Amino acid sequence: MNDQKPDKDPNKLSEEELKAILEELKKQKKTSKHLSVALGFMLHKNYVIHILLSLGINLLIFAVVLGLAIGIDMPIVTMTLTGFIIAVMLLTLLENFVKILLFKYVARVMIFSMGLMSVMVQIIILYGIDLMLTEGFHFVSVESLIVFAFAFSLLRLIISIYLRRFLYNEKIVFMGGKK
C-alpha cells in the first residue's frame, strides 16, 4: 500500500498561481472591451464624434448607392438635394437612437440576428422617412427600398470596418481574410 499523501491538493492553487490567473483575466477583459467597441455599432468612443462620423459615412454611402442605381438605369429614389440631406440626417439620428435602445434591451437578439435585425430596422426607418418627407424624397417602390437598404448596409459595414481599423489600429479580419 501506498500511504504517501500528496504534498498539495490538486484542486487548490498557490497564491502566485492565483495572481497569474487574475492578471490574465484582467488582460482578457481589457482586450474584449476594446474589441467590443470596435465590433459594435459605435464608430468612436466619443458619442458626438460617432454621430459626425455616422453622418459623413451615411452621406457618402447614400450617394454611392443612389449613384450606382442611376448608373445601371434603375433609379431607386425621386428626390431633391434638400430632401436628400434631410433624409440622411433623419436616418442617422433615428437609426442611432433606435440602435441604442435595441442594444440596451435586446442586445442578444441583435447579436444573434447577425445584422439582419439592423437592416429590418433600417427599412422601417427609411419607410418612415419616406412617409414624413412628402416632397423631396420618395422611394420608387417597396422593392427599391429593400434593395437600397441591403446595398446601403453592406457598403456601410465595409466602410465602418476599415474606419474602425484606422481609428483603433486593430487588425480586424474581414470575411475570413488574413491579418
Protein backbone atom coordinates (compact mmCIF):
# COMPACT_ATOMS: atom_id res chain seq x y z
CA MET A 1 0.00 0.00 0.00
CA ASN A 2 1.00 3.49 -0.70
CA ASP A 3 0.35 5.63 2.40
CA GLN A 4 2.15 8.63 0.99
CA LYS A 5 -0.11 11.71 0.77
CA PRO A 6 0.49 14.27 -1.89
CA ASP A 7 2.04 17.49 -0.59
CA LYS A 8 -0.54 19.56 -2.30
CA ASP A 9 -4.23 19.23 -3.14
CA PRO A 10 -4.52 19.42 -6.97
CA ASN A 11 -7.72 21.50 -6.66
CA LYS A 12 -6.06 24.26 -4.61
CA LEU A 13 -3.87 26.86 -6.26
CA SER A 14 -0.96 28.71 -4.74
CA GLU A 15 -1.09 32.45 -4.25
CA GLU A 16 1.29 33.01 -7.18
CA GLU A 17 -0.88 30.91 -9.49
CA LEU A 18 -3.99 32.82 -8.44
CA LYS A 19 -2.27 36.15 -9.10
CA ALA A 20 -1.16 34.95 -12.54
CA ILE A 21 -4.70 33.86 -13.41
CA LEU A 22 -6.11 37.18 -12.16
CA GLU A 23 -3.65 39.15 -14.33
CA GLU A 24 -4.57 37.04 -17.35
CA LEU A 25 -8.28 37.72 -16.77
CA LYS A 26 -7.62 41.46 -16.50
CA LYS A 27 -5.75 41.40 -19.84
CA GLN A 28 -8.60 39.49 -21.49
CA LYS A 29 -11.18 41.92 -20.10
CA LYS A 30 -9.31 44.96 -21.50
CA THR A 31 -8.96 43.29 -24.90
CA SER A 32 -12.62 42.25 -25.06
CA LYS A 33 -13.80 45.75 -24.07
CA HIS A 34 -11.70 47.34 -26.81
CA LEU A 35 -12.82 44.77 -29.35
CA SER A 36 -16.47 45.12 -28.37
CA VAL A 37 -16.33 48.85 -29.10
CA ALA A 38 -14.58 48.12 -32.38
CA LEU A 39 -17.11 45.50 -33.47
CA GLY A 40 -20.24 47.16 -32.08
CA PHE A 41 -22.24 49.76 -33.92
CA MET A 42 -20.27 52.65 -32.38
CA LEU A 43 -17.64 54.15 -34.66
CA HIS A 44 -15.92 56.13 -31.91
CA LYS A 45 -15.89 56.13 -28.11
CA ASN A 46 -16.97 59.78 -28.05
CA TYR A 47 -20.67 59.91 -28.98
CA VAL A 48 -20.51 63.33 -30.71
CA ILE A 49 -17.64 62.16 -32.91
CA HIS A 50 -19.57 58.92 -33.54
CA ILE A 51 -22.62 60.88 -34.76
CA LEU A 52 -20.47 63.07 -37.02
CA LEU A 53 -18.67 60.04 -38.46
CA SER A 54 -22.01 58.25 -38.94
CA LEU A 55 -23.45 61.27 -40.73
CA GLY A 56 -20.42 61.54 -43.01
CA ILE A 57 -20.43 57.83 -43.84
CA ASN A 58 -24.19 57.81 -44.37
CA LEU A 59 -23.96 60.81 -46.73
CA LEU A 60 -21.20 59.12 -48.71
CA ILE A 61 -22.79 55.65 -48.89
CA PHE A 62 -26.27 57.06 -49.57
CA ALA A 63 -24.85 58.98 -52.57
CA VAL A 64 -22.83 55.97 -53.77
CA VAL A 65 -25.81 53.58 -53.69
CA LEU A 66 -28.07 56.08 -55.44
CA GLY A 67 -25.34 56.79 -58.00
CA LEU A 68 -24.81 53.08 -58.68
CA ALA A 69 -28.55 52.63 -59.16
CA ILE A 70 -28.68 55.54 -61.60
CA GLY A 71 -25.61 54.11 -63.36
CA ILE A 72 -27.41 50.83 -64.09
CA ASP A 73 -30.52 52.78 -65.12
CA MET A 74 -32.58 51.68 -62.13
CA PRO A 75 -33.48 54.82 -60.18
CA ILE A 76 -34.40 53.98 -56.59
CA VAL A 77 -35.46 57.38 -55.27
CA THR A 78 -37.01 60.53 -56.62
CA MET A 79 -35.55 63.40 -54.65
CA THR A 80 -34.23 66.91 -54.41
CA LEU A 81 -30.92 67.93 -52.86
CA THR A 82 -32.70 69.27 -49.76
CA GLY A 83 -34.73 66.07 -49.45
CA PHE A 84 -31.54 64.01 -49.78
CA ILE A 85 -29.76 65.89 -46.98
CA ILE A 86 -32.79 65.84 -44.67
CA ALA A 87 -33.32 62.11 -45.31
CA VAL A 88 -29.69 61.27 -44.50
CA MET A 89 -29.77 63.37 -41.33
CA LEU A 90 -33.03 61.78 -40.19
CA LEU A 91 -31.71 58.30 -40.98
CA THR A 92 -28.53 58.93 -38.98
CA LEU A 93 -30.29 60.34 -35.93
CA LEU A 94 -33.21 57.89 -35.85
CA GLU A 95 -31.04 54.86 -36.53
CA ASN A 96 -28.58 55.76 -33.77
CA PHE A 97 -31.40 56.34 -31.29
CA VAL A 98 -33.18 53.10 -32.17
CA LYS A 99 -29.96 51.05 -32.15
CA ILE A 100 -29.04 52.35 -28.70
CA LEU A 101 -32.44 51.23 -27.43
CA LEU A 102 -32.16 47.86 -29.19
CA PHE A 103 -28.66 47.19 -27.85
CA LYS A 104 -29.83 48.16 -24.37
CA TYR A 105 -32.95 45.98 -24.28
CA VAL A 106 -32.48 43.21 -26.87
CA ALA A 107 -28.72 43.01 -27.39
CA ARG A 108 -28.80 39.23 -27.58
CA VAL A 109 -31.32 39.27 -30.43
CA MET A 110 -29.26 41.93 -32.24
CA ILE A 111 -26.13 39.78 -31.99
CA PHE A 112 -27.80 36.51 -32.96
CA SER A 113 -29.55 38.10 -35.96
CA MET A 114 -26.10 38.84 -37.46
CA GLY A 115 -27.16 42.26 -38.75
CA LEU A 116 -30.47 41.20 -40.25
CA MET A 117 -32.41 42.96 -37.50
CA SER A 118 -30.41 46.15 -38.15
CA VAL A 119 -31.39 46.00 -41.83
CA MET A 120 -35.04 45.46 -40.92
CA VAL A 121 -34.93 48.44 -38.54
CA GLN A 122 -33.29 50.47 -41.29
CA ILE A 123 -36.04 49.51 -43.76
CA ILE A 124 -38.69 50.61 -41.28
CA ILE A 125 -36.87 53.90 -40.58
CA LEU A 126 -36.42 54.59 -44.31
CA TYR A 127 -40.10 53.86 -44.92
CA GLY A 128 -40.98 56.27 -42.10
CA ILE A 129 -38.72 58.93 -43.61
CA ASP A 130 -40.37 58.35 -46.98
CA LEU A 131 -43.76 58.98 -45.35
CA MET A 132 -42.55 62.02 -43.37
CA LEU A 133 -40.93 63.79 -46.31
CA THR A 134 -43.89 64.20 -48.60
CA GLU A 135 -41.86 66.29 -51.05
CA GLY A 136 -38.21 65.95 -51.97
CA PHE A 137 -37.65 62.30 -51.10
CA HIS A 138 -39.64 59.25 -52.14
CA PHE A 139 -38.70 55.64 -52.92
CA VAL A 140 -39.94 54.49 -56.31
CA SER A 141 -41.25 51.16 -54.93
CA VAL A 142 -41.06 48.89 -51.91
CA GLU A 143 -38.61 46.67 -53.80
CA SER A 144 -36.31 49.63 -54.39
CA LEU A 145 -36.47 50.45 -50.67
CA ILE A 146 -35.41 46.89 -49.78
CA VAL A 147 -32.63 46.80 -52.41
CA PHE A 148 -31.40 50.18 -51.22
CA ALA A 149 -31.38 49.12 -47.54
CA PHE A 150 -29.40 45.93 -48.20
CA ALA A 151 -26.88 47.63 -50.52
CA PHE A 152 -26.52 50.57 -48.14
CA SER A 153 -25.98 48.28 -45.13
CA LEU A 154 -23.40 46.14 -46.90
CA LEU A 155 -21.34 49.09 -48.15
CA ARG A 156 -21.59 50.85 -44.79
CA LEU A 157 -20.42 47.72 -43.00
CA ILE A 158 -17.32 47.51 -45.18
CA ILE A 159 -16.51 51.23 -44.77
CA SER A 160 -17.15 51.07 -41.00
CA ILE A 161 -14.83 48.09 -40.56
CA TYR A 162 -11.99 49.89 -42.29
CA LEU A 163 -12.71 53.13 -40.42
CA ARG A 164 -12.54 51.30 -37.08
CA ARG A 165 -9.36 49.62 -38.25
CA PHE A 166 -7.87 53.05 -38.98
CA LEU A 167 -9.13 54.65 -35.74
CA TYR A 168 -8.16 51.83 -33.38
CA ASN A 169 -5.12 50.47 -35.26
CA GLU A 170 -6.52 46.96 -34.90
CA LYS A 171 -6.14 44.05 -37.21
CA ILE A 172 -9.81 43.29 -37.83
CA VAL A 173 -10.26 40.30 -40.07
CA PHE A 174 -12.96 40.78 -42.68
CA MET A 175 -14.68 37.74 -44.21
CA GLY A 176 -12.05 35.26 -43.00
CA GLY A 177 -9.13 37.07 -44.63
CA LYS A 178 -5.57 37.17 -43.32
CA LYS A 179 -4.45 39.64 -40.67
